[in-house]
Amino acid sequence: MILAAKEIQRQINAGNLVIRPYGEDCQQPASYDLRAGEDITLPVGACTLVHSLEWVELPADIAGTLRCRSSFGRRGVLLGGGFVDPGFRGQLTLCLVNMGSEDVPLPRETRVVQLILHTVSGGGQMYDGRYQDSSGTVNAR
């Protein structure tokens, strides 16, 4: 089940879910828009890593799917990867590929990716991988 805005806010208020800093304008009806954590330009034909402004902490019963916002998709920007396991903590490193015809500027705090939150039935196992507690842009390890 996908969490609606009201449930996302309830989970945050209860302290079960962390999205920090939280921006009211980033809350969508069934997702939350993550913002770019730095000023960067997406060159044509290149894969560029950029971290989210937000620090995210998911509980054992919530996972996330990442989708590129359609406004960037219309410019030829694609998102590589896109799943966040329950228990993840940290800033998310986004792999953005510009397949468009011109460079795309991405100023800090631009809403670039949608985080869609899902309940995990029978959850309990928490992520404990090599990207736990990521801060800033993290290259492949």
N, C-alpha and C. Protein backbone atom coordinates (compact mmCIF):
# COMPACT_ATOMS: atom_id res chain seq x y z
N MET A 1 0.84 -1.18 0.00
CA MET A 1 0.00 0.00 0.00
C MET A 1 0.89 1.24 0.00
N ILE A 2 0.55 2.21 -0.82
CA ILE A 2 1.27 3.48 -0.89
C ILE A 2 0.73 4.41 0.19
N LEU A 3 1.63 5.09 0.89
CA LEU A 3 1.21 6.02 1.93
C LEU A 3 0.77 7.35 1.31
N ALA A 4 -0.39 7.82 1.72
CA ALA A 4 -0.90 9.12 1.30
C ALA A 4 -0.27 10.21 2.18
N ALA A 5 -0.41 11.44 1.75
CA ALA A 5 0.19 12.58 2.45
C ALA A 5 -0.18 12.60 3.93
N LYS A 6 -1.43 12.35 4.24
CA LYS A 6 -1.89 12.37 5.62
C LYS A 6 -1.16 11.33 6.47
N GLU A 7 -0.94 10.14 5.90
CA GLU A 7 -0.24 9.08 6.63
C GLU A 7 1.25 9.37 6.74
N ILE A 8 1.83 9.95 5.70
CA ILE A 8 3.25 10.34 5.76
C ILE A 8 3.43 11.33 6.91
N GLN A 9 2.56 12.34 6.97
CA GLN A 9 2.65 13.34 8.04
C GLN A 9 2.43 12.71 9.41
N ARG A 10 1.50 11.77 9.51
CA ARG A 10 1.24 11.09 10.79
C ARG A 10 2.48 10.31 11.24
N GLN A 11 3.12 9.62 10.30
CA GLN A 11 4.32 8.84 10.62
C GLN A 11 5.47 9.76 11.07
N ILE A 12 5.60 10.91 10.43
CA ILE A 12 6.63 11.88 10.82
C ILE A 12 6.33 12.43 12.21
N ASN A 13 5.08 12.84 12.45
CA ASN A 13 4.71 13.39 13.76
C ASN A 13 4.88 12.39 14.89
N ALA A 14 4.69 11.11 14.58
CA ALA A 14 4.84 10.05 15.59
C ALA A 14 6.31 9.69 15.82
N GLY A 15 7.19 10.21 14.97
CA GLY A 15 8.61 9.91 15.12
C GLY A 15 9.03 8.58 14.48
N ASN A 16 8.14 7.94 13.73
CA ASN A 16 8.46 6.68 13.07
C ASN A 16 9.23 6.88 11.78
N LEU A 17 9.00 7.99 11.12
CA LEU A 17 9.60 8.32 9.82
C LEU A 17 10.28 9.67 9.95
N VAL A 18 11.50 9.76 9.40
CA VAL A 18 12.23 11.03 9.44
C VAL A 18 12.49 11.50 8.02
N ILE A 19 12.09 12.72 7.73
CA ILE A 19 12.47 13.43 6.50
C ILE A 19 12.86 14.83 6.97
N ARG A 20 14.19 15.10 6.93
CA ARG A 20 14.69 16.33 7.50
C ARG A 20 15.71 16.99 6.57
N PRO A 21 15.56 18.24 6.19
CA PRO A 21 14.46 19.13 6.55
C PRO A 21 13.20 18.79 5.74
N TYR A 22 12.08 18.89 6.41
CA TYR A 22 10.79 18.65 5.78
C TYR A 22 10.30 19.95 5.19
N GLY A 23 9.80 19.90 3.95
CA GLY A 23 9.25 21.09 3.29
C GLY A 23 7.80 20.86 2.92
N GLU A 24 6.93 21.70 3.42
CA GLU A 24 5.48 21.57 3.11
C GLU A 24 5.24 21.51 1.60
N ASP A 25 5.98 22.33 0.84
CA ASP A 25 5.77 22.38 -0.60
C ASP A 25 6.26 21.11 -1.30
N CYS A 26 6.99 20.28 -0.61
CA CYS A 26 7.49 19.02 -1.19
C CYS A 26 6.51 17.87 -0.98
N GLN A 27 5.55 18.05 -0.07
CA GLN A 27 4.58 16.99 0.20
C GLN A 27 3.54 16.94 -0.91
N GLN A 28 3.44 15.80 -1.55
CA GLN A 28 2.48 15.58 -2.62
C GLN A 28 1.38 14.64 -2.11
N PRO A 29 0.30 14.44 -2.84
CA PRO A 29 -0.80 13.60 -2.35
C PRO A 29 -0.39 12.17 -1.99
N ALA A 30 0.58 11.58 -2.73
CA ALA A 30 0.99 10.21 -2.43
C ALA A 30 2.50 10.02 -2.59
N SER A 31 3.25 11.10 -2.35
CA SER A 31 4.71 11.03 -2.43
C SER A 31 5.29 12.26 -1.75
N TYR A 32 6.61 12.26 -1.65
CA TYR A 32 7.33 13.42 -1.12
C TYR A 32 8.45 13.73 -2.11
N ASP A 33 8.58 14.99 -2.54
CA ASP A 33 9.62 15.39 -3.48
C ASP A 33 10.93 15.64 -2.74
N LEU A 34 11.97 14.89 -3.11
CA LEU A 34 13.30 15.13 -2.55
C LEU A 34 13.98 16.20 -3.38
N ARG A 35 14.77 17.03 -2.70
CA ARG A 35 15.45 18.16 -3.33
C ARG A 35 16.93 17.87 -3.52
N ALA A 36 17.51 18.52 -4.53
CA ALA A 36 18.95 18.41 -4.76
C ALA A 36 19.68 19.06 -3.59
N GLY A 37 20.72 18.40 -3.12
CA GLY A 37 21.48 18.91 -1.98
C GLY A 37 22.63 19.81 -2.35
N GLU A 38 22.81 20.05 -3.65
CA GLU A 38 23.92 20.89 -4.10
C GLU A 38 23.59 21.49 -5.46
N ASP A 39 24.29 22.57 -5.81
CA ASP A 39 24.19 23.14 -7.17
C ASP A 39 25.02 22.26 -8.09
N ILE A 40 24.41 21.81 -9.18
CA ILE A 40 25.13 20.95 -10.12
C ILE A 40 24.48 21.10 -11.50
N THR A 41 25.22 20.78 -12.53
CA THR A 41 24.67 20.76 -13.89
C THR A 41 24.74 19.33 -14.38
N LEU A 42 23.66 18.88 -15.01
CA LEU A 42 23.61 17.53 -15.59
C LEU A 42 24.01 17.64 -17.05
N PRO A 43 25.26 17.23 -17.38
CA PRO A 43 25.70 17.35 -18.78
C PRO A 43 25.01 16.32 -19.67
N VAL A 44 24.83 16.67 -20.92
CA VAL A 44 24.22 15.77 -21.90
C VAL A 44 25.02 14.46 -21.97
N GLY A 45 24.31 13.35 -21.93
CA GLY A 45 24.92 12.04 -22.10
C GLY A 45 25.69 11.50 -20.92
N ALA A 46 25.64 12.16 -19.79
CA ALA A 46 26.43 11.73 -18.63
C ALA A 46 25.54 11.29 -17.47
N CYS A 47 26.10 10.39 -16.68
CA CYS A 47 25.49 9.98 -15.42
C CYS A 47 26.12 10.84 -14.33
N THR A 48 25.29 11.55 -13.61
CA THR A 48 25.77 12.46 -12.57
C THR A 48 25.17 12.05 -11.23
N LEU A 49 26.00 11.96 -10.21
CA LEU A 49 25.53 11.65 -8.86
C LEU A 49 25.30 12.94 -8.11
N VAL A 50 24.17 13.03 -7.44
CA VAL A 50 23.83 14.19 -6.61
C VAL A 50 23.08 13.66 -5.38
N HIS A 51 23.37 14.23 -4.23
CA HIS A 51 22.69 13.76 -3.03
C HIS A 51 21.44 14.58 -2.74
N SER A 52 20.53 13.94 -2.03
CA SER A 52 19.30 14.63 -1.62
C SER A 52 19.64 15.61 -0.51
N LEU A 53 18.92 16.71 -0.48
CA LEU A 53 19.04 17.65 0.63
C LEU A 53 18.57 16.98 1.92
N GLU A 54 17.55 16.15 1.79
CA GLU A 54 16.90 15.53 2.95
C GLU A 54 17.69 14.34 3.50
N TRP A 55 17.70 14.25 4.80
CA TRP A 55 18.14 13.06 5.53
C TRP A 55 16.86 12.26 5.77
N VAL A 56 16.89 10.98 5.41
CA VAL A 56 15.71 10.13 5.50
C VAL A 56 16.00 8.95 6.42
N GLU A 57 15.05 8.61 7.27
CA GLU A 57 15.14 7.41 8.11
C GLU A 57 13.82 6.66 8.00
N LEU A 58 13.90 5.44 7.47
CA LEU A 58 12.69 4.62 7.30
C LEU A 58 12.61 3.57 8.40
N PRO A 59 11.41 3.37 8.95
CA PRO A 59 11.23 2.32 9.96
C PRO A 59 11.17 0.94 9.29
N ALA A 60 11.06 -0.11 10.08
CA ALA A 60 11.08 -1.49 9.58
C ALA A 60 9.89 -1.84 8.71
N ASP A 61 8.81 -1.08 8.80
CA ASP A 61 7.61 -1.42 8.03
C ASP A 61 7.32 -0.48 6.87
N ILE A 62 8.31 0.34 6.48
CA ILE A 62 8.15 1.26 5.34
C ILE A 62 9.37 1.16 4.43
N ALA A 63 9.11 1.05 3.11
CA ALA A 63 10.15 1.09 2.09
C ALA A 63 9.83 2.24 1.14
N GLY A 64 10.80 2.63 0.34
CA GLY A 64 10.58 3.72 -0.60
C GLY A 64 10.98 3.38 -2.01
N THR A 65 10.24 3.92 -2.96
CA THR A 65 10.57 3.84 -4.38
C THR A 65 10.86 5.26 -4.84
N LEU A 66 11.91 5.41 -5.64
CA LEU A 66 12.29 6.71 -6.17
C LEU A 66 11.91 6.80 -7.64
N ARG A 67 11.33 7.93 -8.03
CA ARG A 67 10.97 8.22 -9.42
C ARG A 67 11.42 9.63 -9.75
N CYS A 68 11.93 9.80 -10.96
CA CYS A 68 12.30 11.14 -11.41
C CYS A 68 11.02 11.94 -11.62
N ARG A 69 11.01 13.20 -11.22
CA ARG A 69 9.83 14.03 -11.45
C ARG A 69 9.62 14.20 -12.95
N SER A 70 8.38 14.24 -13.36
CA SER A 70 8.05 14.29 -14.79
C SER A 70 8.60 15.54 -15.47
N SER A 71 8.73 16.63 -14.74
CA SER A 71 9.26 17.85 -15.36
C SER A 71 10.71 17.64 -15.81
N PHE A 72 11.46 16.80 -15.11
CA PHE A 72 12.82 16.48 -15.56
C PHE A 72 12.79 15.42 -16.65
N GLY A 73 11.88 14.46 -16.54
CA GLY A 73 11.73 13.45 -17.58
C GLY A 73 11.44 14.07 -18.93
N ARG A 74 10.66 15.13 -18.94
CA ARG A 74 10.33 15.83 -20.19
C ARG A 74 11.55 16.49 -20.82
N ARG A 75 12.60 16.67 -20.02
CA ARG A 75 13.84 17.26 -20.53
C ARG A 75 14.88 16.19 -20.84
N GLY A 76 14.49 14.91 -20.67
CA GLY A 76 15.39 13.81 -20.99
C GLY A 76 16.19 13.28 -19.83
N VAL A 77 15.86 13.70 -18.61
CA VAL A 77 16.59 13.23 -17.43
C VAL A 77 15.95 11.95 -16.92
N LEU A 78 16.78 10.93 -16.72
CA LEU A 78 16.34 9.64 -16.20
C LEU A 78 17.01 9.38 -14.85
N LEU A 79 16.34 8.61 -14.01
CA LEU A 79 16.88 8.24 -12.71
C LEU A 79 17.30 6.78 -12.74
N GLY A 80 18.54 6.51 -12.41
CA GLY A 80 19.02 5.13 -12.29
C GLY A 80 18.82 4.66 -10.86
N GLY A 81 18.42 3.43 -10.69
CA GLY A 81 18.17 2.92 -9.34
C GLY A 81 16.81 3.38 -8.88
N GLY A 82 16.54 3.16 -7.61
CA GLY A 82 15.29 3.70 -7.14
C GLY A 82 14.55 2.94 -6.07
N PHE A 83 15.24 2.20 -5.20
CA PHE A 83 14.54 1.54 -4.10
C PHE A 83 15.28 1.82 -2.81
N VAL A 84 14.52 2.11 -1.74
CA VAL A 84 15.10 2.39 -0.43
C VAL A 84 14.53 1.36 0.55
N ASP A 85 15.40 0.53 1.09
CA ASP A 85 14.97 -0.53 2.00
C ASP A 85 14.53 0.00 3.35
N PRO A 86 13.65 -0.75 4.03
CA PRO A 86 13.28 -0.41 5.41
C PRO A 86 14.55 -0.34 6.27
N GLY A 87 14.58 0.63 7.16
CA GLY A 87 15.72 0.78 8.06
C GLY A 87 16.83 1.67 7.53
N PHE A 88 16.73 2.10 6.26
CA PHE A 88 17.77 2.98 5.72
C PHE A 88 17.78 4.30 6.48
N ARG A 89 19.00 4.82 6.72
CA ARG A 89 19.19 6.15 7.30
C ARG A 89 20.24 6.87 6.48
N GLY A 90 19.96 8.12 6.13
CA GLY A 90 20.96 8.93 5.46
C GLY A 90 20.39 9.79 4.35
N GLN A 91 21.31 10.50 3.70
CA GLN A 91 20.95 11.23 2.50
C GLN A 91 21.03 10.23 1.35
N LEU A 92 20.16 10.37 0.38
CA LEU A 92 20.14 9.46 -0.76
C LEU A 92 20.99 10.01 -1.89
N THR A 93 21.83 9.16 -2.47
CA THR A 93 22.60 9.53 -3.65
C THR A 93 21.78 9.16 -4.86
N LEU A 94 21.48 10.14 -5.68
CA LEU A 94 20.64 9.97 -6.86
C LEU A 94 21.53 9.89 -8.10
N CYS A 95 21.30 8.91 -8.94
CA CYS A 95 22.04 8.73 -10.19
C CYS A 95 21.16 9.27 -11.31
N LEU A 96 21.49 10.45 -11.80
CA LEU A 96 20.70 11.12 -12.83
C LEU A 96 21.44 11.09 -14.16
N VAL A 97 20.75 10.64 -15.21
CA VAL A 97 21.33 10.56 -16.54
C VAL A 97 20.58 11.52 -17.45
N ASN A 98 21.33 12.40 -18.10
CA ASN A 98 20.72 13.38 -18.99
C ASN A 98 20.80 12.87 -20.43
N MET A 99 19.67 12.40 -20.94
CA MET A 99 19.59 11.90 -22.31
C MET A 99 18.99 12.96 -23.24
N GLY A 100 18.81 14.16 -22.73
CA GLY A 100 18.24 15.24 -23.52
C GLY A 100 19.25 15.86 -24.46
N SER A 101 18.88 16.98 -25.06
CA SER A 101 19.73 17.62 -26.06
C SER A 101 20.53 18.80 -25.51
N GLU A 102 20.32 19.15 -24.24
CA GLU A 102 21.09 20.25 -23.66
C GLU A 102 21.36 19.98 -22.18
N ASP A 103 22.42 20.61 -21.66
CA ASP A 103 22.75 20.49 -20.25
C ASP A 103 21.57 20.98 -19.41
N VAL A 104 21.38 20.37 -18.25
CA VAL A 104 20.27 20.74 -17.38
C VAL A 104 20.83 21.24 -16.05
N PRO A 105 20.66 22.53 -15.76
CA PRO A 105 21.10 23.04 -14.46
C PRO A 105 20.19 22.50 -13.35
N LEU A 106 20.79 22.17 -12.23
CA LEU A 106 20.05 21.64 -11.10
C LEU A 106 20.48 22.41 -9.85
N PRO A 107 19.85 23.56 -9.59
CA PRO A 107 20.21 24.35 -8.41
C PRO A 107 19.86 23.61 -7.11
N ARG A 108 20.63 23.90 -6.09
CA ARG A 108 20.36 23.33 -4.76
C ARG A 108 18.91 23.63 -4.38
N GLU A 109 18.27 22.68 -3.76
CA GLU A 109 16.89 22.74 -3.28
C GLU A 109 15.84 22.58 -4.37
N THR A 110 16.26 22.25 -5.60
CA THR A 110 15.30 21.95 -6.66
C THR A 110 14.66 20.59 -6.38
N ARG A 111 13.34 20.52 -6.46
CA ARG A 111 12.64 19.25 -6.28
C ARG A 111 12.90 18.40 -7.53
N VAL A 112 13.58 17.28 -7.36
CA VAL A 112 14.03 16.51 -8.52
C VAL A 112 13.49 15.08 -8.55
N VAL A 113 13.28 14.46 -7.40
CA VAL A 113 12.88 13.05 -7.34
C VAL A 113 11.71 12.88 -6.39
N GLN A 114 10.78 12.00 -6.76
CA GLN A 114 9.66 11.68 -5.87
C GLN A 114 10.01 10.44 -5.05
N LEU A 115 9.81 10.51 -3.75
CA LEU A 115 9.95 9.37 -2.85
C LEU A 115 8.54 8.87 -2.56
N ILE A 116 8.24 7.67 -3.06
CA ILE A 116 6.94 7.05 -2.83
C ILE A 116 7.13 6.04 -1.72
N LEU A 117 6.37 6.17 -0.65
CA LEU A 117 6.53 5.32 0.53
C LEU A 117 5.46 4.22 0.53
N HIS A 118 5.90 3.01 0.86
CA HIS A 118 5.03 1.82 0.85
C HIS A 118 5.12 1.12 2.19
N THR A 119 4.02 0.53 2.62
CA THR A 119 4.10 -0.32 3.81
C THR A 119 4.68 -1.67 3.41
N VAL A 120 5.42 -2.26 4.33
CA VAL A 120 6.02 -3.57 4.13
C VAL A 120 5.33 -4.53 5.08
N SER A 121 4.54 -5.44 4.53
CA SER A 121 3.80 -6.35 5.39
C SER A 121 4.74 -7.41 5.93
N GLY A 122 4.62 -7.66 7.22
CA GLY A 122 5.49 -8.64 7.87
C GLY A 122 6.92 -8.16 8.00
N GLY A 123 7.12 -6.84 7.91
CA GLY A 123 8.46 -6.27 7.99
C GLY A 123 9.13 -6.55 9.32
N GLY A 124 10.36 -6.23 9.40
CA GLY A 124 11.12 -6.43 10.62
C GLY A 124 12.60 -6.41 10.35
N GLN A 125 12.99 -6.87 9.16
CA GLN A 125 14.40 -6.85 8.81
C GLN A 125 14.77 -5.44 8.37
N MET A 126 15.85 -4.92 8.92
CA MET A 126 16.27 -3.55 8.66
C MET A 126 17.52 -3.54 7.77
N TYR A 127 17.61 -2.54 6.89
CA TYR A 127 18.79 -2.36 6.06
C TYR A 127 20.00 -2.10 6.94
N ASP A 128 21.10 -2.77 6.62
CA ASP A 128 22.34 -2.58 7.35
C ASP A 128 23.51 -2.69 6.37
N GLY A 129 23.34 -2.08 5.20
CA GLY A 129 24.34 -2.19 4.15
C GLY A 129 25.39 -1.10 4.20
N ARG A 130 26.20 -1.08 3.16
CA ARG A 130 27.36 -0.19 3.12
C ARG A 130 27.02 1.28 2.90
N TYR A 131 25.76 1.58 2.60
CA TYR A 131 25.39 2.98 2.40
C TYR A 131 24.61 3.55 3.59
N GLN A 132 24.54 2.79 4.68
CA GLN A 132 23.85 3.26 5.88
C GLN A 132 24.54 4.52 6.41
N ASP A 133 23.76 5.48 6.85
CA ASP A 133 24.26 6.75 7.39
C ASP A 133 25.03 7.58 6.38
N SER A 134 24.67 7.46 5.09
CA SER A 134 25.32 8.24 4.02
C SER A 134 25.10 9.72 4.24
N SER A 135 26.16 10.48 4.01
CA SER A 135 26.09 11.93 4.10
C SER A 135 26.76 12.51 2.86
N GLY A 136 26.04 13.34 2.13
CA GLY A 136 26.58 13.87 0.88
C GLY A 136 26.50 12.83 -0.23
N THR A 137 27.14 13.14 -1.35
CA THR A 137 27.14 12.23 -2.50
C THR A 137 28.12 11.11 -2.23
N VAL A 138 27.65 9.87 -2.38
CA VAL A 138 28.49 8.71 -2.10
C VAL A 138 28.67 7.91 -3.39
N ASN A 139 29.91 7.72 -3.80
CA ASN A 139 30.21 6.90 -4.98
C ASN A 139 30.02 5.43 -4.64
N ALA A 140 30.02 4.58 -5.67
CA ALA A 140 29.88 3.13 -5.47
C ALA A 140 30.97 2.64 -4.53
N ARG A 141 30.59 1.76 -3.63
CA ARG A 141 31.57 1.20 -2.69
C ARG A 141 31.80 -0.26 -3.00
